[in-house]
Amino acid sequence: MKSSTKIAAVVAVVIVAAGVVGYEVYSSTAPSSACAAMTPTQASPSQPADPAAGPLGAAAHSAISSSAPAHSLHPAATDGVIQVVAAENFWGSLMSQLGGNHTSVLSIVTDPNADPHEYQVNSSDAIAISNAQLVIVNGVGYDDWALQLIAADDNPNQVVLNVGTLNGVSVTGGIVTGNPHMWYNPVYVNNSVAAMYSDLVTIQPQSTSYFQANYAALNVSLGQLYGRAAEIRSQFAGTEVASTESIFVYLANYTHLDLVSPPAFMEAIAEGNDPPAQSVVQFQCQLESGKVSVLVYNEQTVTPITSNMKAIAAENNVTVVGVTETIQPPDVPFQVWMNAEYLQLENALNSKALGQ
């Protein structure tokens, strides 16, 4: 099995006016209420710098080429359709847009009503991965079942793109550097799209101009999406928000929203564990403090504790914004799904700011 390749000559990207959006580390600050007496556990790992040219500017791709690990080249494929398997549909959607009719993309985890962390692999998945020329996995403990299938098949002619490895995110990290929800990080999405493009060109170099056109179009579309993130940052930076789990950490950092939820609570829920009792009390106090504007609620990791927090938020005039881990509805592109969540978040923040 050979790793995902990164060619040096990355196509010149259409630089979109998405705005310069900074990316900072996560911090937890309890509001001055009953929770103020508690000392929140803070996580301050170092983060990759946001490219100076914005999430999709030329500087981003220059940084990717210079910092990515070395990769081996995959033998050139024929003019046939490239068989691609994506462990999750958010990466599959982006690959489909890049590969167009030169690829056949199968996304395995697609159900927006199920927790992807609990996905149970089947024989059809094993066959699909075995037959694929290119496999995209999220990594960081999110889809170990896919990595196990890849290892068992041990196909030396298969290209594997591990998004976690690409972006330097590890299961040994904390609330950010070990956070598997990388599709909520615009910088990581940008890096991953560049790697997907490079893999396609490496597998089928004779179709480079076709992939280049799709790559430029996708960058423009993503630039418009992340322009909305820039709007949220410019209008609401510093606003106190909460989240039931770590899925929202990356976007909160990117938009400079003040995510006050206890890291121990968010990590436990994301991992399917019961959060520490102190973190539950602290979270409840935060929601009751009158300072939290929005609660971001992961609709795919619902537990009695998160449902209770959702109810407490509603009782205290905290607007609840639902998000999902996989694309919903499953048949829309990544950008449409993500933009709908951005818009819901922006509207909720604006409503609170206006006192409605």
Protein backbone atom coordinates (compact mmCIF):
# COMPACT_ATOMS: atom_id res chain seq x y z
CA MET A 1 0.00 0.00 0.00
CA LYS A 2 1.35 3.35 -0.96
CA SER A 3 0.45 6.62 0.72
CA SER A 4 -1.30 9.58 -0.82
CA THR A 5 0.97 11.60 -3.10
CA LYS A 6 1.46 15.31 -3.32
CA ILE A 7 2.93 16.71 -6.56
CA ALA A 8 4.93 19.90 -6.39
CA ALA A 9 3.39 21.57 -9.41
CA VAL A 10 0.00 22.41 -7.94
CA VAL A 11 -2.26 24.35 -10.29
CA ALA A 12 -2.51 28.09 -9.85
CA VAL A 13 -5.65 28.65 -7.84
CA VAL A 14 -8.30 31.25 -8.42
CA ILE A 15 -7.82 33.57 -5.44
CA VAL A 16 -11.20 34.39 -4.04
CA ALA A 17 -12.14 37.30 -1.83
CA ALA A 18 -13.05 35.20 1.15
CA GLY A 19 -11.35 37.56 3.56
CA VAL A 20 -8.43 36.92 5.82
CA VAL A 21 -9.74 34.72 8.59
CA GLY A 22 -7.46 33.98 11.53
CA TYR A 23 -7.35 30.69 13.35
CA GLU A 24 -6.70 30.58 17.05
CA VAL A 25 -6.43 27.98 19.76
CA TYR A 26 -9.40 26.91 21.82
CA SER A 27 -9.88 28.39 25.23
CA SER A 28 -12.60 27.88 27.82
CA THR A 29 -13.73 30.79 29.96
CA ALA A 30 -16.54 30.35 32.44
CA PRO A 31 -19.00 33.25 32.75
CA SER A 32 -19.19 35.21 35.98
CA SER A 33 -21.98 33.20 37.60
CA ALA A 34 -22.11 30.24 39.93
CA CYS A 35 -19.61 28.64 37.55
CA ALA A 36 -17.07 31.38 38.17
CA ALA A 37 -15.84 29.60 41.28
CA MET A 38 -14.93 26.59 39.20
CA THR A 39 -11.63 26.43 37.40
CA PRO A 40 -12.31 25.34 33.82
CA THR A 41 -9.89 22.96 32.17
CA GLN A 42 -8.26 24.87 29.35
CA ALA A 43 -6.70 23.38 26.27
CA SER A 44 -4.18 25.53 24.45
CA PRO A 45 -2.28 23.40 21.94
CA SER A 46 -0.48 25.13 19.11
CA GLN A 47 -2.41 25.38 15.86
CA PRO A 48 -1.43 25.57 12.20
CA ALA A 49 -1.38 29.17 11.04
CA ASP A 50 -4.15 30.27 8.74
CA PRO A 51 -2.66 30.98 5.31
CA ALA A 52 -2.03 34.69 4.81
CA ALA A 53 -3.98 34.71 1.56
CA GLY A 54 -7.15 33.38 3.16
CA PRO A 55 -8.55 29.85 3.25
CA LEU A 56 -8.21 29.30 -0.50
CA GLY A 57 -5.45 31.69 -1.56
CA ALA A 58 -2.20 30.85 -3.32
CA ALA A 59 -0.26 31.04 -0.07
CA ALA A 60 -2.27 28.13 1.28
CA HIS A 61 -1.18 25.85 -1.52
CA SER A 62 2.41 26.99 -1.23
CA ALA A 63 2.31 26.04 2.44
CA ILE A 64 0.82 22.65 1.61
CA SER A 65 3.58 21.84 -0.86
CA SER A 66 6.33 22.83 1.56
CA SER A 67 4.99 21.21 4.73
CA ALA A 68 3.34 17.97 3.58
CA PRO A 69 5.11 14.68 4.27
CA ALA A 70 6.87 12.89 1.41
CA HIS A 71 4.72 10.52 -0.62
CA SER A 72 5.37 7.81 -3.16
CA LEU A 73 4.01 8.09 -6.66
CA HIS A 74 1.25 5.77 -7.80
CA PRO A 75 1.62 4.20 -11.27
CA ALA A 76 -0.32 6.14 -13.90
CA ALA A 77 -3.78 4.75 -14.57
CA THR A 78 -5.47 4.36 -17.93
CA ASP A 79 -8.15 6.65 -19.33
CA GLY A 80 -10.77 4.64 -17.46
CA VAL A 81 -12.86 5.86 -14.54
CA ILE A 82 -10.94 6.02 -11.25
CA GLN A 83 -12.57 3.93 -8.52
CA VAL A 84 -12.66 5.94 -5.27
CA VAL A 85 -13.98 5.01 -1.83
CA ALA A 86 -14.46 7.67 0.84
CA ALA A 87 -15.06 6.44 4.36
CA GLU A 88 -17.43 9.40 4.95
CA ASN A 89 -19.62 11.38 2.58
CA PHE A 90 -18.25 14.82 3.46
CA TRP A 91 -14.89 13.82 1.93
CA GLY A 92 -16.66 11.86 -0.79
CA SER A 93 -18.65 14.89 -1.87
CA LEU A 94 -15.53 16.99 -2.32
CA MET A 95 -13.81 14.22 -4.26
CA SER A 96 -16.84 13.80 -6.53
CA GLN A 97 -16.70 17.47 -7.41
CA LEU A 98 -12.99 17.25 -8.20
CA GLY A 99 -13.11 13.99 -10.13
CA GLY A 100 -16.33 14.56 -12.03
CA ASN A 101 -17.07 11.91 -14.66
CA HIS A 102 -13.48 10.65 -14.44
CA THR A 103 -14.22 9.12 -11.05
CA SER A 104 -16.73 6.78 -9.48
CA VAL A 105 -16.98 7.73 -5.81
CA LEU A 106 -18.57 5.55 -3.15
CA SER A 107 -19.10 7.09 0.29
CA ILE A 108 -19.63 4.51 3.01
CA VAL A 109 -20.85 6.48 6.05
CA THR A 110 -23.82 8.55 4.89
CA ASP A 111 -26.67 8.17 7.38
CA PRO A 112 -27.36 11.57 9.03
CA ASN A 113 -29.49 9.86 11.69
CA ALA A 114 -26.72 7.59 13.00
CA ASP A 115 -23.56 8.26 14.97
CA PRO A 116 -20.59 7.73 12.60
CA HIS A 117 -18.41 6.85 15.60
CA GLU A 118 -20.49 3.68 16.00
CA TYR A 119 -20.48 2.55 12.36
CA GLN A 120 -20.43 -1.23 11.90
CA VAL A 121 -18.44 -2.43 8.89
CA ASN A 122 -19.82 -5.12 6.53
CA SER A 123 -18.58 -7.34 3.71
CA SER A 124 -19.67 -4.90 1.02
CA ASP A 125 -17.42 -2.24 2.54
CA ALA A 126 -14.48 -4.64 2.48
CA ILE A 127 -15.06 -5.48 -1.19
CA ALA A 128 -15.43 -1.81 -2.16
CA ILE A 129 -12.21 -0.80 -0.40
CA SER A 130 -10.35 -3.76 -1.87
CA ASN A 131 -11.33 -2.74 -5.41
CA ALA A 132 -10.64 0.98 -5.03
CA GLN A 133 -7.68 2.73 -6.64
CA LEU A 134 -7.97 5.59 -4.15
CA VAL A 135 -9.31 5.45 -0.60
CA ILE A 136 -9.96 8.52 1.56
CA VAL A 137 -10.12 8.05 5.32
CA ASN A 138 -10.66 10.64 8.01
CA GLY A 139 -8.30 9.02 10.50
CA VAL A 140 -7.78 10.20 14.11
CA GLY A 141 -9.70 7.21 15.43
CA TYR A 142 -12.87 8.21 13.57
CA ASP A 143 -12.87 5.36 11.04
CA ASP A 144 -10.41 2.74 12.28
CA TRP A 145 -12.57 0.10 10.62
CA ALA A 146 -11.53 1.49 7.21
CA LEU A 147 -7.83 1.48 8.12
CA GLN A 148 -8.15 -2.12 9.27
CA LEU A 149 -9.72 -3.14 5.95
CA ILE A 150 -6.98 -1.34 4.02
CA ALA A 151 -4.27 -3.04 6.06
CA ALA A 152 -5.87 -6.46 5.67
CA ASP A 153 -6.05 -6.11 1.89
CA ASP A 154 -2.50 -4.70 1.67
CA ASN A 155 -2.79 -3.57 -1.95
CA PRO A 156 0.54 -2.03 -3.05
CA ASN A 157 -1.13 -0.28 -6.00
CA GLN A 158 -3.72 1.54 -3.91
CA VAL A 159 -3.43 5.21 -2.96
CA VAL A 160 -4.65 6.08 0.55
CA LEU A 161 -5.29 9.64 1.69
CA ASN A 162 -5.46 9.85 5.48
CA VAL A 163 -6.81 13.31 6.26
CA GLY A 164 -5.67 13.21 9.88
CA THR A 165 -2.10 12.37 8.94
CA LEU A 166 -2.12 15.02 6.21
CA ASN A 167 -3.13 17.73 8.66
CA GLY A 168 -1.03 16.58 11.59
CA VAL A 169 -4.02 15.68 13.78
CA SER A 170 -3.42 12.74 16.11
CA VAL A 171 -5.48 10.63 18.48
CA THR A 172 -2.94 11.48 21.17
CA GLY A 173 -3.81 15.18 20.94
CA GLY A 174 -6.17 17.25 23.08
CA ILE A 175 -9.45 19.00 22.36
CA VAL A 176 -8.03 20.43 19.11
CA THR A 177 -4.97 18.45 18.04
CA GLY A 178 -6.86 15.20 18.64
CA ASN A 179 -10.21 16.39 17.29
CA PRO A 180 -11.33 14.20 14.36
CA HIS A 181 -14.01 16.60 13.07
CA MET A 182 -11.61 18.16 10.55
CA TRP A 183 -14.26 18.93 7.93
CA TYR A 184 -15.39 21.78 10.21
CA ASN A 185 -11.94 23.39 9.88
CA PRO A 186 -11.70 25.45 6.66
CA VAL A 187 -7.90 25.24 6.65
CA TYR A 188 -7.96 21.45 6.88
CA VAL A 189 -10.61 21.21 4.17
CA ASN A 190 -8.41 23.35 1.92
CA ASN A 191 -5.40 21.11 2.58
CA SER A 192 -7.42 17.97 1.93
CA VAL A 193 -8.89 19.23 -1.34
CA ALA A 194 -5.39 20.06 -2.57
CA ALA A 195 -4.23 16.53 -1.69
CA MET A 196 -7.23 14.98 -3.45
CA TYR A 197 -6.45 16.98 -6.58
CA SER A 198 -2.82 15.90 -6.48
CA ASP A 199 -3.79 12.24 -6.10
CA LEU A 200 -6.11 12.40 -9.09
CA VAL A 201 -3.44 13.98 -11.27
CA THR A 202 -0.93 11.37 -10.15
CA ILE A 203 -3.26 8.46 -10.88
CA GLN A 204 -4.45 9.84 -14.22
CA PRO A 205 -1.99 12.52 -15.43
CA GLN A 206 -3.43 12.63 -18.92
CA SER A 207 -6.60 14.18 -17.42
CA THR A 208 -4.74 16.97 -15.60
CA SER A 209 -6.45 19.83 -17.42
CA TYR A 210 -9.88 18.39 -16.57
CA PHE A 211 -8.98 18.05 -12.89
CA GLN A 212 -7.47 21.55 -12.90
CA ALA A 213 -10.74 23.07 -14.10
CA ASN A 214 -12.74 21.23 -11.45
CA TYR A 215 -10.22 22.18 -8.77
CA ALA A 216 -10.46 25.87 -9.62
CA ALA A 217 -14.27 25.75 -9.65
CA LEU A 218 -14.38 23.97 -6.30
CA ASN A 219 -12.02 26.54 -4.78
CA VAL A 220 -14.30 29.35 -5.89
CA SER A 221 -17.32 27.61 -4.36
CA LEU A 222 -15.52 26.91 -1.09
CA GLY A 223 -14.27 30.48 -1.04
CA GLN A 224 -17.86 31.70 -1.08
CA LEU A 225 -18.69 29.31 1.75
CA TYR A 226 -15.80 30.46 3.92
CA GLY A 227 -16.65 34.05 3.13
CA ARG A 228 -19.70 33.49 5.34
CA ALA A 229 -17.40 32.27 8.11
CA ALA A 230 -15.47 35.51 7.71
CA GLU A 231 -18.72 37.45 8.09
CA ILE A 232 -19.49 35.63 11.34
CA ARG A 233 -16.07 36.45 12.66
CA SER A 234 -16.24 40.13 11.74
CA GLN A 235 -19.66 40.57 13.35
CA PHE A 236 -19.62 38.25 16.35
CA ALA A 237 -16.03 37.60 17.44
CA GLY A 238 -15.91 37.21 21.22
CA THR A 239 -19.57 36.20 21.57
CA GLU A 240 -20.03 33.47 24.17
CA VAL A 241 -21.37 30.23 22.72
CA ALA A 242 -21.54 26.62 23.90
CA SER A 243 -21.46 23.20 22.26
CA THR A 244 -22.48 19.75 23.42
CA GLU A 245 -19.35 18.22 21.95
CA SER A 246 -16.06 18.91 20.19
CA ILE A 247 -17.51 18.99 16.68
CA PHE A 248 -17.82 22.79 16.93
CA VAL A 249 -14.35 23.57 18.33
CA TYR A 250 -12.66 24.11 14.95
CA LEU A 251 -15.30 26.47 13.61
CA ALA A 252 -15.52 28.38 16.90
CA ASN A 253 -11.77 28.96 16.71
CA TYR A 254 -11.95 29.98 13.07
CA THR A 255 -14.70 32.53 13.68
CA HIS A 256 -13.27 33.68 17.04
CA LEU A 257 -16.45 32.85 18.90
CA ASP A 258 -15.82 32.32 22.61
CA LEU A 259 -16.64 28.65 23.14
CA VAL A 260 -17.10 28.34 26.91
CA SER A 261 -18.21 24.70 27.21
CA PRO A 262 -15.99 22.60 29.49
CA PRO A 263 -13.51 20.68 27.28
CA ALA A 264 -13.93 17.60 29.47
CA PHE A 265 -17.67 17.59 28.73
CA MET A 266 -17.23 18.00 24.97
CA GLU A 267 -14.52 15.35 24.73
CA ALA A 268 -16.49 12.80 26.74
CA ILE A 269 -19.64 13.20 24.66
CA ALA A 270 -17.66 12.98 21.42
CA GLU A 271 -16.07 9.74 22.61
CA GLY A 272 -19.36 8.24 23.79
CA ASN A 273 -18.52 8.50 27.48
CA ASP A 274 -20.24 10.08 30.47
CA PRO A 275 -18.73 13.51 31.16
CA PRO A 276 -17.25 14.25 34.60
CA ALA A 277 -19.88 15.40 37.09
CA GLN A 278 -18.13 18.72 37.69
CA SER A 279 -18.17 19.50 33.96
CA VAL A 280 -21.92 18.80 33.82
CA VAL A 281 -22.58 21.24 36.68
CA GLN A 282 -20.30 23.84 35.13
CA PHE A 283 -21.99 23.52 31.75
CA GLN A 284 -25.44 23.90 33.29
CA CYS A 285 -24.32 27.01 35.16
CA GLN A 286 -23.00 28.50 31.94
CA LEU A 287 -26.28 27.95 30.14
CA GLU A 288 -28.17 29.50 33.06
CA SER A 289 -25.83 32.50 33.35
CA GLY A 290 -27.57 34.61 30.70
CA LYS A 291 -24.28 35.18 28.88
CA VAL A 292 -24.31 32.30 26.41
CA SER A 293 -26.00 33.26 23.13
CA VAL A 294 -26.08 29.98 21.23
CA LEU A 295 -25.83 26.26 22.00
CA VAL A 296 -24.49 24.19 19.10
CA TYR A 297 -26.09 20.76 19.40
CA ASN A 298 -24.76 17.68 17.61
CA GLU A 299 -27.87 15.89 16.39
CA GLN A 300 -25.96 12.65 15.77
CA THR A 301 -24.60 12.16 19.29
CA VAL A 302 -27.76 12.55 21.34
CA THR A 303 -27.65 11.29 24.93
CA PRO A 304 -29.84 11.96 27.98
CA ILE A 305 -27.21 14.44 29.20
CA THR A 306 -27.04 16.39 25.93
CA SER A 307 -30.84 16.38 25.68
CA ASN A 308 -30.98 17.82 29.18
CA MET A 309 -28.51 20.56 28.25
CA LYS A 310 -30.60 21.35 25.20
CA ALA A 311 -33.69 21.71 27.42
CA ILE A 312 -31.80 23.93 29.89
CA ALA A 313 -30.65 26.13 27.02
CA ALA A 314 -34.21 26.56 25.76
CA GLU A 315 -35.41 27.45 29.26
CA ASN A 316 -32.77 30.16 29.50
CA ASN A 317 -33.32 31.81 26.12
CA VAL A 318 -30.21 30.25 24.57
CA THR A 319 -30.81 29.59 20.89
CA VAL A 320 -30.08 25.99 19.88
CA VAL A 321 -28.38 25.41 16.52
CA GLY A 322 -28.32 21.82 15.30
CA VAL A 323 -25.40 20.41 13.34
CA THR A 324 -24.66 16.96 11.94
CA GLU A 325 -21.49 14.98 11.39
CA THR A 326 -22.43 13.72 7.94
CA ILE A 327 -24.07 15.60 5.06
CA GLN A 328 -27.78 16.23 5.51
CA PRO A 329 -29.65 15.66 3.32
CA PRO A 330 -27.14 13.10 2.04
CA ASP A 331 -27.59 13.97 -1.64
CA VAL A 332 -26.54 17.64 -1.48
CA PRO A 333 -22.96 18.88 -2.01
CA PHE A 334 -20.67 19.55 0.93
CA GLN A 335 -20.92 23.33 0.46
CA VAL A 336 -24.73 23.38 0.46
CA TRP A 337 -24.87 21.41 3.70
CA MET A 338 -22.20 23.42 5.44
CA ASN A 339 -23.54 26.77 4.23
CA ALA A 340 -26.97 25.94 5.69
CA GLU A 341 -25.34 25.34 9.07
CA TYR A 342 -23.30 28.55 8.81
CA LEU A 343 -26.45 30.48 7.93
CA GLN A 344 -28.37 29.02 10.86
CA LEU A 345 -25.52 29.94 13.20
CA GLU A 346 -25.25 33.46 11.79
CA ASN A 347 -28.99 34.03 12.07
CA ALA A 348 -29.03 32.77 15.66
CA LEU A 349 -26.16 35.07 16.64
CA ASN A 350 -27.79 38.00 14.89
CA SER A 351 -31.13 37.33 16.57
CA LYS A 352 -29.52 37.35 20.00
CA ALA A 353 -27.57 40.49 19.18
CA LEU A 354 -30.81 42.24 18.25
CA GLY A 355 -32.42 41.08 21.49
CA GLN A 356 -35.09 39.02 19.80
